[in-house]
Amino acid sequence: MSYWIYLKDKNGGTVEVDSHAEGASANFWGSPRATLNVTVNYRALFNFNSLYGLTGQESIAHLREAVLTLGTQKDDNHWGVTFGNVGHHCSILLEWAENNPQAVWDVHS
């Protein structure tokens, strides 16, 4: 199982972001959409469902705290539930939130 996390604009479309190849089902060619898929095992360290319905602005402090607490040093094992793996994914979401403060998080697990 996994979380599907989207940042959506006022019309319900997924926000455009810098191309990225992150997440459990990463597109190796990159994606220009604010869509991230992470294993639900990460919930042991961060509750991604807590973002649901928040605006980017409303989520910034929560995500910033997670990044500062967990760090961003990724493990070689992408599936590993490590502080750095989870913090790294939170840092991606934080950047999207800061760049799109009016957009709204949509999270499905």
N, C-alpha and C. Protein backbone atom coordinates (compact mmCIF):
# COMPACT_ATOMS: atom_id res chain seq x y z
N MET A 1 0.84 -1.18 0.00
CA MET A 1 0.00 0.00 0.00
C MET A 1 0.88 1.24 0.00
N SER A 2 0.27 2.32 -0.46
CA SER A 2 1.02 3.56 -0.50
C SER A 2 0.10 4.76 -0.38
N TYR A 3 0.70 5.90 -0.11
CA TYR A 3 0.00 7.17 -0.15
C TYR A 3 0.19 7.76 -1.53
N TRP A 4 -0.88 8.27 -2.12
CA TRP A 4 -0.80 9.07 -3.31
C TRP A 4 -1.07 10.50 -2.86
N ILE A 5 -0.11 11.37 -3.07
CA ILE A 5 -0.19 12.73 -2.57
C ILE A 5 -0.16 13.69 -3.76
N TYR A 6 -1.14 14.58 -3.82
CA TYR A 6 -1.26 15.54 -4.91
C TYR A 6 -1.41 16.93 -4.31
N LEU A 7 -0.88 17.92 -4.99
CA LEU A 7 -1.14 19.31 -4.65
C LEU A 7 -1.94 19.88 -5.81
N LYS A 8 -3.18 20.32 -5.50
CA LYS A 8 -4.11 20.70 -6.56
C LYS A 8 -4.42 22.20 -6.55
N ASP A 9 -4.59 22.74 -7.75
CA ASP A 9 -4.92 24.15 -7.88
C ASP A 9 -6.42 24.38 -7.65
N LYS A 10 -6.84 25.62 -7.74
CA LYS A 10 -8.24 25.96 -7.45
C LYS A 10 -9.24 25.31 -8.39
N ASN A 11 -8.78 24.85 -9.55
CA ASN A 11 -9.66 24.18 -10.50
C ASN A 11 -9.62 22.66 -10.37
N GLY A 12 -8.86 22.16 -9.39
CA GLY A 12 -8.78 20.72 -9.16
C GLY A 12 -7.72 20.02 -9.98
N GLY A 13 -6.95 20.79 -10.75
CA GLY A 13 -5.85 20.20 -11.52
C GLY A 13 -4.60 20.09 -10.67
N THR A 14 -3.76 19.13 -10.99
CA THR A 14 -2.52 18.96 -10.24
C THR A 14 -1.53 20.07 -10.63
N VAL A 15 -0.95 20.71 -9.64
CA VAL A 15 -0.04 21.82 -9.84
C VAL A 15 1.20 21.36 -10.61
N GLU A 16 1.71 22.25 -11.47
CA GLU A 16 2.97 21.97 -12.15
C GLU A 16 4.13 22.38 -11.26
N VAL A 17 5.16 21.54 -11.24
CA VAL A 17 6.36 21.78 -10.45
C VAL A 17 7.58 21.47 -11.31
N ASP A 18 8.77 21.74 -10.78
CA ASP A 18 9.98 21.33 -11.47
C ASP A 18 9.94 19.82 -11.64
N SER A 19 10.39 19.35 -12.77
CA SER A 19 10.37 17.91 -13.06
C SER A 19 11.11 17.14 -11.96
N HIS A 20 10.51 16.04 -11.52
CA HIS A 20 11.10 15.23 -10.45
C HIS A 20 10.89 13.76 -10.75
N ALA A 21 11.73 12.94 -10.18
CA ALA A 21 11.63 11.48 -10.34
C ALA A 21 11.66 10.85 -8.95
N GLU A 22 10.78 11.30 -8.09
CA GLU A 22 10.74 10.83 -6.70
C GLU A 22 9.50 10.00 -6.45
N GLY A 23 9.57 9.20 -5.41
CA GLY A 23 8.42 8.43 -4.97
C GLY A 23 8.56 6.95 -5.25
N ALA A 24 7.67 6.17 -4.67
CA ALA A 24 7.74 4.72 -4.76
C ALA A 24 7.51 4.21 -6.17
N SER A 25 6.74 4.93 -6.95
CA SER A 25 6.54 4.53 -8.34
C SER A 25 7.07 5.64 -9.23
N ALA A 26 8.34 5.97 -9.03
CA ALA A 26 8.97 7.09 -9.71
C ALA A 26 8.97 6.91 -11.22
N ASN A 27 8.75 8.00 -11.89
CA ASN A 27 8.89 8.05 -13.33
C ASN A 27 10.34 8.45 -13.60
N PHE A 28 11.12 7.56 -14.12
CA PHE A 28 12.55 7.80 -14.29
C PHE A 28 12.85 8.92 -15.27
N TRP A 29 11.88 9.33 -16.07
CA TRP A 29 12.06 10.44 -17.00
C TRP A 29 11.63 11.75 -16.38
N GLY A 30 11.08 11.67 -15.20
CA GLY A 30 10.64 12.86 -14.49
C GLY A 30 9.18 13.18 -14.74
N SER A 31 8.60 13.89 -13.80
CA SER A 31 7.21 14.31 -13.90
C SER A 31 7.13 15.79 -13.55
N PRO A 32 6.39 16.58 -14.34
CA PRO A 32 6.23 18.00 -14.03
C PRO A 32 5.00 18.27 -13.15
N ARG A 33 4.47 17.26 -12.50
CA ARG A 33 3.27 17.40 -11.69
C ARG A 33 3.57 17.18 -10.20
N ALA A 34 2.85 17.89 -9.36
CA ALA A 34 3.00 17.76 -7.91
C ALA A 34 2.26 16.51 -7.45
N THR A 35 2.84 15.37 -7.79
CA THR A 35 2.29 14.06 -7.43
C THR A 35 3.41 13.24 -6.83
N LEU A 36 3.17 12.67 -5.66
CA LEU A 36 4.18 11.87 -5.00
C LEU A 36 3.53 10.61 -4.43
N ASN A 37 4.18 9.48 -4.64
CA ASN A 37 3.70 8.21 -4.13
C ASN A 37 4.73 7.70 -3.14
N VAL A 38 4.32 7.49 -1.88
CA VAL A 38 5.24 6.99 -0.86
C VAL A 38 4.60 5.81 -0.13
N THR A 39 5.44 4.91 0.33
CA THR A 39 4.96 3.74 1.05
C THR A 39 4.25 4.14 2.35
N VAL A 40 3.17 3.44 2.67
CA VAL A 40 2.46 3.73 3.92
C VAL A 40 3.31 3.37 5.13
N ASN A 41 4.36 2.59 4.93
CA ASN A 41 5.24 2.28 6.05
C ASN A 41 5.88 3.54 6.64
N TYR A 42 5.96 4.59 5.82
CA TYR A 42 6.53 5.86 6.31
C TYR A 42 5.66 6.50 7.38
N ARG A 43 4.40 6.07 7.50
CA ARG A 43 3.49 6.69 8.48
C ARG A 43 4.00 6.53 9.91
N ALA A 44 4.91 5.58 10.12
CA ALA A 44 5.50 5.42 11.45
C ALA A 44 6.24 6.69 11.88
N LEU A 45 6.68 7.48 10.90
CA LEU A 45 7.45 8.69 11.21
C LEU A 45 6.75 9.98 10.82
N PHE A 46 5.80 9.91 9.88
CA PHE A 46 5.05 11.11 9.48
C PHE A 46 3.70 10.68 8.94
N ASN A 47 2.65 11.34 9.40
CA ASN A 47 1.29 11.03 8.96
C ASN A 47 0.94 11.90 7.75
N PHE A 48 1.16 11.37 6.56
CA PHE A 48 0.89 12.12 5.34
C PHE A 48 -0.59 12.46 5.20
N ASN A 49 -1.47 11.64 5.78
CA ASN A 49 -2.91 11.95 5.74
C ASN A 49 -3.22 13.27 6.43
N SER A 50 -2.34 13.72 7.33
CA SER A 50 -2.59 14.97 8.05
C SER A 50 -2.57 16.18 7.11
N LEU A 51 -2.04 16.02 5.91
CA LEU A 51 -2.00 17.12 4.94
C LEU A 51 -3.32 17.30 4.21
N TYR A 52 -4.14 16.26 4.18
CA TYR A 52 -5.36 16.28 3.38
C TYR A 52 -6.22 17.51 3.69
N GLY A 53 -6.57 18.24 2.63
CA GLY A 53 -7.45 19.39 2.76
C GLY A 53 -6.78 20.69 3.17
N LEU A 54 -5.52 20.62 3.58
CA LEU A 54 -4.80 21.84 3.95
C LEU A 54 -4.31 22.55 2.69
N THR A 55 -4.17 23.84 2.78
CA THR A 55 -3.52 24.58 1.70
C THR A 55 -2.01 24.42 1.86
N GLY A 56 -1.30 24.76 0.81
CA GLY A 56 0.15 24.75 0.92
C GLY A 56 0.60 25.59 2.09
N GLN A 57 0.03 26.79 2.21
CA GLN A 57 0.39 27.70 3.30
C GLN A 57 0.14 27.08 4.67
N GLU A 58 -0.99 26.44 4.84
CA GLU A 58 -1.33 25.83 6.12
C GLU A 58 -0.42 24.66 6.48
N SER A 59 0.20 24.05 5.50
CA SER A 59 1.04 22.88 5.76
C SER A 59 2.52 23.19 5.94
N ILE A 60 2.93 24.40 5.62
CA ILE A 60 4.36 24.73 5.63
C ILE A 60 5.01 24.48 6.98
N ALA A 61 4.44 24.98 8.05
CA ALA A 61 5.07 24.83 9.38
C ALA A 61 5.19 23.35 9.76
N HIS A 62 4.16 22.57 9.48
CA HIS A 62 4.15 21.14 9.81
C HIS A 62 5.23 20.40 9.01
N LEU A 63 5.32 20.70 7.73
CA LEU A 63 6.34 20.04 6.89
C LEU A 63 7.75 20.50 7.26
N ARG A 64 7.90 21.79 7.54
CA ARG A 64 9.21 22.31 7.92
C ARG A 64 9.69 21.64 9.22
N GLU A 65 8.79 21.48 10.17
CA GLU A 65 9.14 20.81 11.43
C GLU A 65 9.58 19.37 11.17
N ALA A 66 8.86 18.67 10.30
CA ALA A 66 9.21 17.29 9.96
C ALA A 66 10.60 17.21 9.33
N VAL A 67 10.89 18.12 8.41
CA VAL A 67 12.20 18.13 7.74
C VAL A 67 13.31 18.39 8.75
N LEU A 68 13.10 19.36 9.63
CA LEU A 68 14.12 19.68 10.64
C LEU A 68 14.33 18.53 11.61
N THR A 69 13.26 17.86 11.98
CA THR A 69 13.34 16.76 12.94
C THR A 69 13.93 15.50 12.31
N LEU A 70 13.50 15.18 11.10
CA LEU A 70 13.89 13.92 10.46
C LEU A 70 15.16 13.99 9.63
N GLY A 71 15.51 15.18 9.17
CA GLY A 71 16.65 15.31 8.26
C GLY A 71 16.25 14.88 6.86
N THR A 72 17.19 14.91 5.95
CA THR A 72 16.88 14.60 4.55
C THR A 72 17.89 13.63 3.93
N GLN A 73 18.70 13.00 4.73
CA GLN A 73 19.70 12.06 4.21
C GLN A 73 19.03 10.75 3.82
N LYS A 74 18.90 10.52 2.51
CA LYS A 74 18.23 9.32 2.03
C LYS A 74 19.10 8.09 2.25
N ASP A 75 18.45 6.97 2.50
CA ASP A 75 19.08 5.68 2.63
C ASP A 75 19.16 5.03 1.25
N ASP A 76 20.12 4.14 1.04
CA ASP A 76 20.21 3.42 -0.23
C ASP A 76 18.96 2.59 -0.50
N ASN A 77 18.31 2.12 0.57
CA ASN A 77 17.08 1.36 0.45
C ASN A 77 15.90 2.34 0.48
N HIS A 78 15.37 2.62 -0.69
CA HIS A 78 14.27 3.58 -0.81
C HIS A 78 13.07 3.19 0.05
N TRP A 79 12.85 1.90 0.24
CA TRP A 79 11.70 1.42 0.99
C TRP A 79 11.93 1.46 2.50
N GLY A 80 13.17 1.67 2.92
CA GLY A 80 13.49 1.68 4.34
C GLY A 80 12.81 2.82 5.07
N VAL A 81 12.24 2.50 6.21
CA VAL A 81 11.58 3.52 7.03
C VAL A 81 12.66 4.16 7.90
N THR A 82 13.33 5.14 7.30
CA THR A 82 14.39 5.85 8.01
C THR A 82 14.00 7.32 8.13
N PHE A 83 14.57 7.98 9.12
CA PHE A 83 14.29 9.41 9.29
C PHE A 83 14.58 10.16 7.99
N GLY A 84 15.74 9.90 7.41
CA GLY A 84 16.14 10.63 6.21
C GLY A 84 15.25 10.37 5.01
N ASN A 85 14.83 9.13 4.81
CA ASN A 85 13.92 8.84 3.69
C ASN A 85 12.62 9.62 3.82
N VAL A 86 12.04 9.57 5.01
CA VAL A 86 10.77 10.25 5.23
C VAL A 86 10.97 11.77 5.17
N GLY A 87 12.01 12.25 5.80
CA GLY A 87 12.30 13.69 5.77
C GLY A 87 12.56 14.21 4.37
N HIS A 88 13.23 13.40 3.56
CA HIS A 88 13.48 13.80 2.17
C HIS A 88 12.17 14.01 1.43
N HIS A 89 11.24 13.08 1.58
CA HIS A 89 9.95 13.23 0.91
C HIS A 89 9.17 14.42 1.46
N CYS A 90 9.28 14.66 2.75
CA CYS A 90 8.63 15.84 3.34
C CYS A 90 9.25 17.13 2.77
N SER A 91 10.56 17.11 2.49
CA SER A 91 11.21 18.30 1.95
C SER A 91 10.71 18.62 0.55
N ILE A 92 10.40 17.59 -0.22
CA ILE A 92 9.83 17.80 -1.56
C ILE A 92 8.46 18.46 -1.42
N LEU A 93 7.63 17.91 -0.53
CA LEU A 93 6.30 18.47 -0.31
C LEU A 93 6.39 19.91 0.22
N LEU A 94 7.35 20.17 1.08
CA LEU A 94 7.55 21.51 1.61
C LEU A 94 7.85 22.50 0.49
N GLU A 95 8.73 22.13 -0.41
CA GLU A 95 9.06 23.02 -1.53
C GLU A 95 7.82 23.31 -2.37
N TRP A 96 7.03 22.28 -2.65
CA TRP A 96 5.81 22.48 -3.42
C TRP A 96 4.85 23.40 -2.68
N ALA A 97 4.72 23.21 -1.38
CA ALA A 97 3.81 24.03 -0.58
C ALA A 97 4.26 25.49 -0.57
N GLU A 98 5.56 25.71 -0.41
CA GLU A 98 6.08 27.08 -0.40
C GLU A 98 5.87 27.78 -1.74
N ASN A 99 5.98 27.03 -2.83
CA ASN A 99 5.82 27.60 -4.16
C ASN A 99 4.37 27.70 -4.60
N ASN A 100 3.46 27.03 -3.89
CA ASN A 100 2.04 27.02 -4.24
C ASN A 100 1.18 27.14 -2.99
N PRO A 101 1.28 28.26 -2.29
CA PRO A 101 0.61 28.38 -0.99
C PRO A 101 -0.91 28.30 -1.04
N GLN A 102 -1.53 28.59 -2.17
CA GLN A 102 -2.99 28.55 -2.27
C GLN A 102 -3.52 27.20 -2.72
N ALA A 103 -2.64 26.32 -3.21
CA ALA A 103 -3.07 25.00 -3.66
C ALA A 103 -3.44 24.14 -2.45
N VAL A 104 -4.18 23.05 -2.71
CA VAL A 104 -4.72 22.22 -1.62
C VAL A 104 -4.23 20.78 -1.77
N TRP A 105 -3.85 20.18 -0.65
CA TRP A 105 -3.37 18.80 -0.64
C TRP A 105 -4.52 17.81 -0.77
N ASP A 106 -4.30 16.81 -1.59
CA ASP A 106 -5.22 15.68 -1.74
C ASP A 106 -4.39 14.44 -1.48
N VAL A 107 -4.79 13.64 -0.50
CA VAL A 107 -4.01 12.47 -0.09
C VAL A 107 -4.93 11.26 -0.06
N HIS A 108 -4.48 10.18 -0.70
CA HIS A 108 -5.23 8.92 -0.71
C HIS A 108 -4.29 7.80 -0.29
N SER A 109 -4.81 6.87 0.47
CA SER A 109 -3.98 5.70 0.83
C SER A 109 -4.74 4.44 0.51
